[in-house]
C-alpha atoms as a PDB file:
ATOM      1  CA  MET A   1       1.400 -33.199  52.598  1.00  0.00           C
ATOM      2  CA  GLU A   2       1.333 -31.851  56.162  1.00  0.00           C
ATOM      3  CA  ARG A   3      -1.741 -33.918  56.984  1.00  0.00           C
ATOM      4  CA  LEU A   4       0.486 -37.011  56.657  1.00  0.00           C
ATOM      5  CA  MET A   5       2.993 -35.631  59.171  1.00  0.00           C
ATOM      6  CA  VAL A   6       1.596 -37.395  62.228  1.00  0.00           C
ATOM      7  CA  ASP A   7       4.924 -37.819  64.042  1.00  0.00           C
ATOM      8  CA  GLU A   8       6.877 -35.295  66.135  1.00  0.00           C
ATOM      9  CA  CYS A   9      10.583 -34.470  66.247  1.00  0.00           C
ATOM     10  CA  VAL A  10      13.161 -32.027  67.537  1.00  0.00           C
ATOM     11  CA  VAL A  11      15.983 -30.793  65.289  1.00  0.00           C
ATOM     12  CA  GLU A  12      18.965 -29.308  67.135  1.00  0.00           C
ATOM     13  CA  ALA A  13      22.107 -27.417  66.182  1.00  0.00           C
ATOM     14  CA  VAL A  14      25.414 -27.271  68.055  1.00  0.00           C
ATOM     15  CA  THR A  15      25.666 -23.962  69.924  1.00  0.00           C
ATOM     16  CA  GLY A  16      28.993 -24.478  71.658  1.00  0.00           C
ATOM     17  CA  THR A  17      30.849 -26.828  73.979  1.00  0.00           C
ATOM     18  CA  THR A  18      31.299 -27.408  77.674  1.00  0.00           C
ATOM     19  CA  THR A  19      34.270 -29.010  79.399  1.00  0.00           C
ATOM     20  CA  ASP A  20      33.910 -31.160  82.502  1.00  0.00           C
ATOM     21  CA  PRO A  21      36.429 -29.649  84.972  1.00  0.00           C
ATOM     22  CA  GLU A  22      37.205 -33.032  86.561  1.00  0.00           C
ATOM     23  CA  SER A  23      37.522 -35.312  83.534  1.00  0.00           C
ATOM     24  CA  GLY A  24      38.382 -32.757  80.869  1.00  0.00           C
ATOM     25  CA  GLU A  25      35.718 -34.306  78.617  1.00  0.00           C
ATOM     26  CA  VAL A  26      34.384 -31.858  76.033  1.00  0.00           C
ATOM     27  CA  THR A  27      30.668 -32.100  75.250  1.00  0.00           C
ATOM     28  CA  ASP A  28      28.697 -30.270  72.569  1.00  0.00           C
ATOM     29  CA  THR A  29      25.768 -28.096  73.660  1.00  0.00           C
ATOM     30  CA  TYR A  30      22.629 -27.936  71.505  1.00  0.00           C
ATOM     31  CA  ALA A  31      19.635 -25.665  70.933  1.00  0.00           C
ATOM     32  CA  PRO A  32      16.420 -26.489  69.054  1.00  0.00           C
ATOM     33  CA  VAL A  33      16.138 -25.228  65.473  1.00  0.00           C
ATOM     34  CA  TYR A  34      12.775 -26.913  64.853  1.00  0.00           C
ATOM     35  CA  GLU A  35      10.228 -28.703  67.063  1.00  0.00           C
ATOM     36  CA  GLY A  36       7.004 -30.078  65.688  1.00  0.00           C
ATOM     37  CA  LYS A  37       5.359 -32.415  63.251  1.00  0.00           C
ATOM     38  CA  CYS A  38       7.302 -34.581  60.863  1.00  0.00           C
ATOM     39  CA  ARG A  39       7.217 -37.745  58.803  1.00  0.00           C
ATOM     40  CA  VAL A  40       9.957 -40.381  58.554  1.00  0.00           C
ATOM     41  CA  GLN A  41      10.176 -42.339  55.323  1.00  0.00           C
ATOM     42  CA  GLN A  42      12.401 -45.054  53.932  1.00  0.00           C
ATOM     43  CA  ALA A  43      12.254 -45.168  50.143  1.00  0.00           C
ATOM     44  CA  ALA A  44      14.233 -48.405  49.937  1.00  0.00           C
ATOM     45  CA  PRO A  45      16.135 -50.437  52.479  1.00  0.00           C
ATOM     46  CA  SER A  46      19.656 -49.089  52.540  1.00  0.00           C
ATOM     47  CA  ALA A  47      22.557 -49.319  54.914  1.00  0.00           C
ATOM     48  CA  SER A  48      26.293 -48.933  54.721  1.00  0.00           C
ATOM     49  CA  ASP A  49      29.152 -50.213  56.845  1.00  0.00           C
ATOM     50  CA  GLN A  50      31.615 -47.580  58.013  1.00  0.00           C
ATOM     51  CA  ARG A  51      34.743 -47.913  60.103  1.00  0.00           C
ATOM     52  CA  VAL A  52      35.258 -45.129  62.647  1.00  0.00           C
ATOM     53  CA  GLY A  53      38.446 -45.573  64.639  1.00  0.00           C
ATOM     54  CA  GLU A  54      38.229 -49.108  65.995  1.00  0.00           C
ATOM     55  CA  ALA A  55      34.444 -49.363  65.609  1.00  0.00           C
ATOM     56  CA  ASP A  56      32.484 -50.825  62.723  1.00  0.00           C
ATOM     57  CA  LEU A  57      29.207 -48.901  62.356  1.00  0.00           C
ATOM     58  CA  LEU A  58      26.106 -49.807  60.382  1.00  0.00           C
ATOM     59  CA  MET A  59      24.643 -46.561  59.032  1.00  0.00           C
ATOM     60  CA  LEU A  60      20.929 -46.548  58.157  1.00  0.00           C
ATOM     61  CA  THR A  61      19.481 -43.834  55.927  1.00  0.00           C
ATOM     62  CA  ARG A  62      15.963 -42.401  55.893  1.00  0.00           C
ATOM     63  CA  VAL A  63      14.168 -39.275  54.671  1.00  0.00           C
ATOM     64  CA  LEU A  64      12.714 -36.777  57.141  1.00  0.00           C
ATOM     65  CA  GLN A  65       9.853 -34.570  55.927  1.00  0.00           C
ATOM     66  CA  LEU A  66       9.068 -31.291  57.705  1.00  0.00           C
ATOM     67  CA  PRO A  67       6.613 -28.445  56.981  1.00  0.00           C
ATOM     68  CA  VAL A  68       8.359 -26.071  54.566  1.00  0.00           C
ATOM     69  CA  ALA A  69       7.439 -22.755  56.197  1.00  0.00           C
ATOM     70  CA  ALA A  70       8.126 -23.826  59.790  1.00  0.00           C
ATOM     71  CA  SER A  71      11.466 -25.534  59.251  1.00  0.00           C
ATOM     72  CA  ALA A  72      13.627 -22.850  57.657  1.00  0.00           C
ATOM     73  CA  GLY A  73      17.189 -23.042  58.924  1.00  0.00           C
ATOM     74  CA  VAL A  74      17.406 -26.827  59.274  1.00  0.00           C
ATOM     75  CA  ARG A  75      20.744 -27.812  57.738  1.00  0.00           C
ATOM     76  CA  ALA A  76      23.112 -30.726  57.211  1.00  0.00           C
ATOM     77  CA  GLY A  77      24.925 -31.571  60.445  1.00  0.00           C
ATOM     78  CA  HIS A  78      21.941 -30.874  62.704  1.00  0.00           C
ATOM     79  CA  ARG A  79      20.770 -33.766  64.852  1.00  0.00           C
ATOM     80  CA  VAL A  80      17.210 -35.098  64.949  1.00  0.00           C
ATOM     81  CA  ARG A  81      15.353 -36.939  67.700  1.00  0.00           C
ATOM     82  CA  ILE A  82      11.947 -38.476  67.039  1.00  0.00           C
ATOM     83  CA  THR A  83       9.759 -37.596  70.038  1.00  0.00           C
ATOM     84  CA  ALA A  84       6.469 -39.235  68.984  1.00  0.00           C
ATOM     85  CA  CYS A  85       5.450 -41.674  66.278  1.00  0.00           C
ATOM     86  CA  GLU A  86       1.822 -42.599  65.681  1.00  0.00           C
ATOM     87  CA  HIS A  87       2.406 -45.825  63.758  1.00  0.00           C
ATOM     88  CA  ASP A  88       5.851 -47.115  64.811  1.00  0.00           C
ATOM     89  CA  PRO A  89       6.746 -46.807  68.501  1.00  0.00           C
ATOM     90  CA  ASP A  90      10.250 -48.152  67.754  1.00  0.00           C
ATOM     91  CA  LEU A  91      11.125 -44.812  66.113  1.00  0.00           C
ATOM     92  CA  VAL A  92      10.528 -42.836  69.332  1.00  0.00           C
ATOM     93  CA  ASN A  93      13.788 -41.512  70.860  1.00  0.00           C
ATOM     94  CA  ARG A  94      15.861 -42.636  67.860  1.00  0.00           C
ATOM     95  CA  ARG A  95      18.582 -40.136  66.945  1.00  0.00           C
ATOM     96  CA  PHE A  96      19.635 -39.195  63.440  1.00  0.00           C
ATOM     97  CA  VAL A  97      21.949 -36.668  61.802  1.00  0.00           C
ATOM     98  CA  VAL A  98      20.885 -34.570  58.816  1.00  0.00           C
ATOM     99  CA  ARG A  99      23.230 -35.553  55.972  1.00  0.00           C
ATOM    100  CA  ALA A 100      21.484 -34.169  52.866  1.00  0.00           C
ATOM    101  CA  GLU A 101      19.250 -31.243  52.011  1.00  0.00           C
ATOM    102  CA  PHE A 102      16.813 -31.349  49.101  1.00  0.00           C
ATOM    103  CA  ALA A 103      15.224 -28.136  47.808  1.00  0.00           C
ATOM    104  CA  LYS A 104      12.909 -27.011  45.042  1.00  0.00           C
ATOM    105  CA  SER A 105      10.719 -23.996  44.273  1.00  0.00           C
ATOM    106  CA  HIS A 106       7.312 -25.617  44.762  1.00  0.00           C
ATOM    107  CA  ALA A 107       8.058 -28.012  47.597  1.00  0.00           C
ATOM    108  CA  THR A 108       5.131 -29.462  49.533  1.00  0.00           C
ATOM    109  CA  SER A 109       7.485 -30.465  52.356  1.00  0.00           C
ATOM    110  CA  ARG A 110      11.118 -29.960  53.322  1.00  0.00           C
ATOM    111  CA  ARG A 111      12.868 -33.275  52.665  1.00  0.00           C
ATOM    112  CA  LEU A 112      16.110 -34.075  54.462  1.00  0.00           C
ATOM    113  CA  GLY A 113      18.341 -37.128  54.180  1.00  0.00           C
ATOM    114  CA  ILE A 114      19.009 -38.419  57.695  1.00  0.00           C
ATOM    115  CA  GLU A 115      21.373 -41.110  58.920  1.00  0.00           C
ATOM    116  CA  GLU A 116      21.523 -43.226  62.074  1.00  0.00           C
ATOM    117  CA  ALA A 117      24.468 -45.166  63.482  1.00  0.00           C
ATOM    118  CA  THR A 118      23.017 -48.439  64.787  1.00  0.00           C
ATOM    119  CA  SER A 119      26.046 -50.254  66.146  1.00  0.00           C
END
């Protein structure tokens, strides 16, 4: 399965927060949990509308595949940025959030449900 992972991504976890002393704005700080090859898949077109505060968001779901041995510790809530994509340049720099973890004993890849807010 890894031979099909021709894309690259970074998966990051929140490590803390910083506060801007002038504006008081609080920003999360992140550290990489995984950097390396990946594969982005979309089993079927799916999207959902969600209302967050005053905003209407269109949430798109995909599946991220990572090498099993190298990606231990990737969990729901981590954020993902696609850094290179061999076949679809529109995926580069897109940001997703891990929403679902799939696991099994004889996995050939670590599959993660990811979601992207597009509006």
